[in-house]
Structure formats: C-alpha cells, structure tokens
Amino acid sequence: MHFESLKENFIALIKSINEIRKNDSNINEAQTRIELIDTLFFDCLAWDKRHCKTEEHQRGEYTDYTFCNKSDQRLFILEAKRIGKNFSLPIGLKNKVYPISHFKTYTDIYSAIEQTIRYCQNRGTK
C-alpha cells in the first residue's frame, strides 16, 4: 500500500473514533475489533493479515489477535475490549519504568497485565 492511502485511512479512523465517542461509548468488543482494531492494523499500518491469527486457542483460552513475523513466530498479542473499557495508567506517574507489582492496587490495570503476561508466556511470544 502507498503511504498516502494509509495516511488517509488513519485520518478516517480518527474521525470514526471521534464519532463513536460522541454517539455511542458502549460498543461491544466484536464491533470494536471490526471498526477500530482491524482498520488500524490492516488498513492504516498495512499489517499482513497472513501474519495475524485471531481467536488462537490454547489451554482453554483464546487470544483476540496474535501478530507474528514471516517465520510465524509470535511477536505480540492484542486483546480487544469494548469501547468504554480503557486501560489507563494512573494520573501522576512520573517515572518511565515501574515494576508490575506497583499496579496491584489498580485492579483493572493489574488484571489486564496479568492476562497479557499469561497469554504471552503460554504462547512463547517474543
């Protein structure tokens, strides 16, 4: 894909996100995947769909997206959430690096971190 078309797709995505925020902040996870995540990775960042696994199953758990390199090695895992459920770091953090244990008092953040670590470790993500 040409850079200009990717840029246009990205600008359209930002407009779409702003419209969604104005009109309906409670879109479910599946719709979030179709409208936002798929558009971002495949239409704006030109990620090759052949190097992305969806709903990869392992040990009774499914990952929403597993992004791989050309050798099929897992690079990262992305878990979709419904719009309105945000992963926001607490206000006032000044350091760039914190131990994971720092976030134990922030249950939503810590739960997301634990889920991500478990998925990555179980699947051998680089």
C-alpha atoms as a PDB file:
ATOM      1  CA  MET A   1       0.000   0.000   0.000  1.00  0.00           C
ATOM      2  CA  HIS A   2       1.079   3.526  -0.677  1.00  0.00           C
ATOM      3  CA  PHE A   3       1.860   5.792   2.286  1.00  0.00           C
ATOM      4  CA  GLU A   4      -0.715   8.431   1.280  1.00  0.00           C
ATOM      5  CA  SER A   5      -3.572   5.915   1.213  1.00  0.00           C
ATOM      6  CA  LEU A   6      -2.507   4.588   4.625  1.00  0.00           C
ATOM      7  CA  LYS A   7      -2.458   8.148   5.944  1.00  0.00           C
ATOM      8  CA  GLU A   8      -5.956   8.785   4.540  1.00  0.00           C
ATOM      9  CA  ASN A   9      -7.197   5.583   6.194  1.00  0.00           C
ATOM     10  CA  PHE A  10      -5.706   6.726   9.503  1.00  0.00           C
ATOM     11  CA  ILE A  11      -7.362  10.149   9.290  1.00  0.00           C
ATOM     12  CA  ALA A  12     -10.696   8.450   8.516  1.00  0.00           C
ATOM     13  CA  LEU A  13     -10.192   6.144  11.510  1.00  0.00           C
ATOM     14  CA  ILE A  14      -9.623   9.113  13.829  1.00  0.00           C
ATOM     15  CA  LYS A  15     -12.825  10.735  12.560  1.00  0.00           C
ATOM     16  CA  SER A  16     -14.679   7.465  13.093  1.00  0.00           C
ATOM     17  CA  ILE A  17     -13.377   7.175  16.660  1.00  0.00           C
ATOM     18  CA  ASN A  18     -14.476  10.731  17.418  1.00  0.00           C
ATOM     19  CA  GLU A  19     -17.953   9.984  16.063  1.00  0.00           C
ATOM     20  CA  ILE A  20     -18.198   6.815  18.117  1.00  0.00           C
ATOM     21  CA  ARG A  21     -17.169   8.720  21.258  1.00  0.00           C
ATOM     22  CA  LYS A  22     -19.876  11.330  20.623  1.00  0.00           C
ATOM     23  CA  ASN A  23     -22.673   8.915  19.814  1.00  0.00           C
ATOM     24  CA  ASP A  24     -22.105   5.555  21.491  1.00  0.00           C
ATOM     25  CA  SER A  25     -19.360   4.895  24.001  1.00  0.00           C
ATOM     26  CA  ASN A  26     -20.604   1.385  24.805  1.00  0.00           C
ATOM     27  CA  ILE A  27     -19.807  -0.577  21.650  1.00  0.00           C
ATOM     28  CA  ASN A  28     -19.151  -4.270  22.305  1.00  0.00           C
ATOM     29  CA  GLU A  29     -15.809  -5.998  21.816  1.00  0.00           C
ATOM     30  CA  ALA A  30     -16.659  -7.589  18.459  1.00  0.00           C
ATOM     31  CA  GLN A  31     -17.700  -4.253  16.962  1.00  0.00           C
ATOM     32  CA  THR A  32     -14.571  -2.613  18.402  1.00  0.00           C
ATOM     33  CA  ARG A  33     -12.497  -5.206  16.594  1.00  0.00           C
ATOM     34  CA  ILE A  34     -14.194  -4.634  13.240  1.00  0.00           C
ATOM     35  CA  GLU A  35     -14.418  -0.847  13.349  1.00  0.00           C
ATOM     36  CA  LEU A  36     -11.203   0.080  15.106  1.00  0.00           C
ATOM     37  CA  ILE A  37      -8.572  -2.613  15.572  1.00  0.00           C
ATOM     38  CA  ASP A  38      -8.865  -4.265  12.149  1.00  0.00           C
ATOM     39  CA  THR A  39      -8.862  -0.858  10.490  1.00  0.00           C
ATOM     40  CA  LEU A  40      -5.823   0.331  12.440  1.00  0.00           C
ATOM     41  CA  PHE A  41      -3.623  -2.702  11.882  1.00  0.00           C
ATOM     42  CA  PHE A  42      -4.654  -3.764   8.386  1.00  0.00           C
ATOM     43  CA  ASP A  43      -5.762  -0.547   6.672  1.00  0.00           C
ATOM     44  CA  CYS A  44      -3.569   2.046   8.412  1.00  0.00           C
ATOM     45  CA  LEU A  45      -0.434   0.105   9.378  1.00  0.00           C
ATOM     46  CA  ALA A  46      -0.642  -2.348   6.443  1.00  0.00           C
ATOM     47  CA  TRP A  47      -0.021  -5.395   8.639  1.00  0.00           C
ATOM     48  CA  ASP A  48      -0.220  -8.517   6.505  1.00  0.00           C
ATOM     49  CA  LYS A  49      -3.329 -10.477   7.525  1.00  0.00           C
ATOM     50  CA  ARG A  50      -1.463 -13.701   6.797  1.00  0.00           C
ATOM     51  CA  HIS A  51       0.725 -12.884   9.806  1.00  0.00           C
ATOM     52  CA  CYS A  52      -2.136 -12.402  12.242  1.00  0.00           C
ATOM     53  CA  LYS A  53      -4.018 -15.175  13.988  1.00  0.00           C
ATOM     54  CA  THR A  54      -7.401 -14.458  15.514  1.00  0.00           C
ATOM     55  CA  GLU A  55      -9.014 -16.423  18.308  1.00  0.00           C
ATOM     56  CA  GLU A  56      -5.912 -18.549  18.787  1.00  0.00           C
ATOM     57  CA  HIS A  57      -6.858 -21.269  21.277  1.00  0.00           C
ATOM     58  CA  GLN A  58      -4.566 -22.664  23.922  1.00  0.00           C
ATOM     59  CA  ARG A  59      -5.284 -24.241  27.311  1.00  0.00           C
ATOM     60  CA  GLY A  60      -8.917 -23.198  27.260  1.00  0.00           C
ATOM     61  CA  GLU A  61      -8.169 -19.536  26.494  1.00  0.00           C
ATOM     62  CA  TYR A  62      -8.484 -17.543  23.289  1.00  0.00           C
ATOM     63  CA  THR A  63      -6.422 -14.537  22.255  1.00  0.00           C
ATOM     64  CA  ASP A  64      -8.173 -11.945  20.121  1.00  0.00           C
ATOM     65  CA  TYR A  65      -5.139 -11.241  17.925  1.00  0.00           C
ATOM     66  CA  THR A  66      -1.712 -12.871  17.756  1.00  0.00           C
ATOM     67  CA  PHE A  67       0.648 -10.968  15.481  1.00  0.00           C
ATOM     68  CA  CYS A  68       3.531 -12.969  14.000  1.00  0.00           C
ATOM     69  CA  ASN A  69       6.525 -12.371  11.785  1.00  0.00           C
ATOM     70  CA  LYS A  70       7.111 -14.049   8.416  1.00  0.00           C
ATOM     71  CA  SER A  71       8.579 -17.080  10.206  1.00  0.00           C
ATOM     72  CA  ASP A  72       5.329 -17.447  12.181  1.00  0.00           C
ATOM     73  CA  GLN A  73       6.996 -16.503  15.484  1.00  0.00           C
ATOM     74  CA  ARG A  74       4.638 -14.682  17.807  1.00  0.00           C
ATOM     75  CA  LEU A  75       5.643 -11.039  18.218  1.00  0.00           C
ATOM     76  CA  PHE A  76       2.791  -9.663  20.295  1.00  0.00           C
ATOM     77  CA  ILE A  77      -0.726 -10.365  21.451  1.00  0.00           C
ATOM     78  CA  LEU A  78      -3.525  -7.842  21.400  1.00  0.00           C
ATOM     79  CA  GLU A  79      -6.639  -8.295  23.498  1.00  0.00           C
ATOM     80  CA  ALA A  80      -9.661  -6.311  22.414  1.00  0.00           C
ATOM     81  CA  LYS A  81     -12.017  -4.693  24.892  1.00  0.00           C
ATOM     82  CA  ARG A  82     -15.310  -2.977  24.338  1.00  0.00           C
ATOM     83  CA  ILE A  83     -15.196   0.761  23.793  1.00  0.00           C
ATOM     84  CA  GLY A  84     -15.509   2.466  27.134  1.00  0.00           C
ATOM     85  CA  LYS A  85     -13.319  -0.078  28.947  1.00  0.00           C
ATOM     86  CA  ASN A  86      -9.961   1.637  28.958  1.00  0.00           C
ATOM     87  CA  PHE A  87      -6.514   0.673  30.046  1.00  0.00           C
ATOM     88  CA  SER A  88      -5.424   3.965  31.570  1.00  0.00           C
ATOM     89  CA  LEU A  89      -2.421   4.469  33.753  1.00  0.00           C
ATOM     90  CA  PRO A  90      -2.980   6.381  36.980  1.00  0.00           C
ATOM     91  CA  ILE A  91      -2.507  10.142  36.897  1.00  0.00           C
ATOM     92  CA  GLY A  92       0.680  11.471  38.412  1.00  0.00           C
ATOM     93  CA  LEU A  93       3.118   8.762  37.390  1.00  0.00           C
ATOM     94  CA  LYS A  94       6.447  10.430  36.799  1.00  0.00           C
ATOM     95  CA  ASN A  95       8.830   7.561  36.123  1.00  0.00           C
ATOM     96  CA  LYS A  96       9.002   5.806  32.767  1.00  0.00           C
ATOM     97  CA  VAL A  97       9.533   2.363  34.297  1.00  0.00           C
ATOM     98  CA  TYR A  98       7.623   0.750  37.160  1.00  0.00           C
ATOM     99  CA  PRO A  99       7.640  -2.796  38.488  1.00  0.00           C
ATOM    100  CA  ILE A 100       4.439  -4.656  37.690  1.00  0.00           C
ATOM    101  CA  SER A 101       3.786  -5.021  41.423  1.00  0.00           C
ATOM    102  CA  HIS A 102       3.332  -1.227  41.565  1.00  0.00           C
ATOM    103  CA  PHE A 103      -0.063  -1.651  39.881  1.00  0.00           C
ATOM    104  CA  LYS A 104      -1.521  -4.241  42.288  1.00  0.00           C
ATOM    105  CA  THR A 105      -3.694  -1.575  43.902  1.00  0.00           C
ATOM    106  CA  TYR A 106      -5.188  -0.688  40.495  1.00  0.00           C
ATOM    107  CA  THR A 107      -7.232  -3.842  39.977  1.00  0.00           C
ATOM    108  CA  ASP A 108      -8.320  -3.246  36.340  1.00  0.00           C
ATOM    109  CA  ILE A 109      -4.787  -2.453  35.212  1.00  0.00           C
ATOM    110  CA  TYR A 110      -3.214  -5.294  37.175  1.00  0.00           C
ATOM    111  CA  SER A 111      -5.778  -7.782  35.857  1.00  0.00           C
ATOM    112  CA  ALA A 112      -5.024  -6.744  32.254  1.00  0.00           C
ATOM    113  CA  ILE A 113      -1.270  -7.021  32.885  1.00  0.00           C
ATOM    114  CA  GLU A 114      -1.654 -10.493  34.412  1.00  0.00           C
ATOM    115  CA  GLN A 115      -3.812 -11.664  31.487  1.00  0.00           C
ATOM    116  CA  THR A 116      -1.285 -10.375  28.971  1.00  0.00           C
ATOM    117  CA  ILE A 117       1.684 -11.945  30.737  1.00  0.00           C
ATOM    118  CA  ARG A 118      -0.093 -15.297  30.985  1.00  0.00           C
ATOM    119  CA  TYR A 119      -1.048 -15.297  27.298  1.00  0.00           C
ATOM    120  CA  CYS A 120       2.451 -14.314  26.179  1.00  0.00           C
ATOM    121  CA  GLN A 121       4.201 -16.843  28.401  1.00  0.00           C
ATOM    122  CA  ASN A 122       1.864 -19.682  27.461  1.00  0.00           C
ATOM    123  CA  ARG A 123       2.304 -18.995  23.769  1.00  0.00           C
ATOM    124  CA  GLY A 124       6.022 -18.271  23.642  1.00  0.00           C
ATOM    125  CA  THR A 125       5.661 -14.696  22.454  1.00  0.00           C
ATOM    126  CA  LYS A 126       8.984 -12.988  21.682  1.00  0.00           C
END
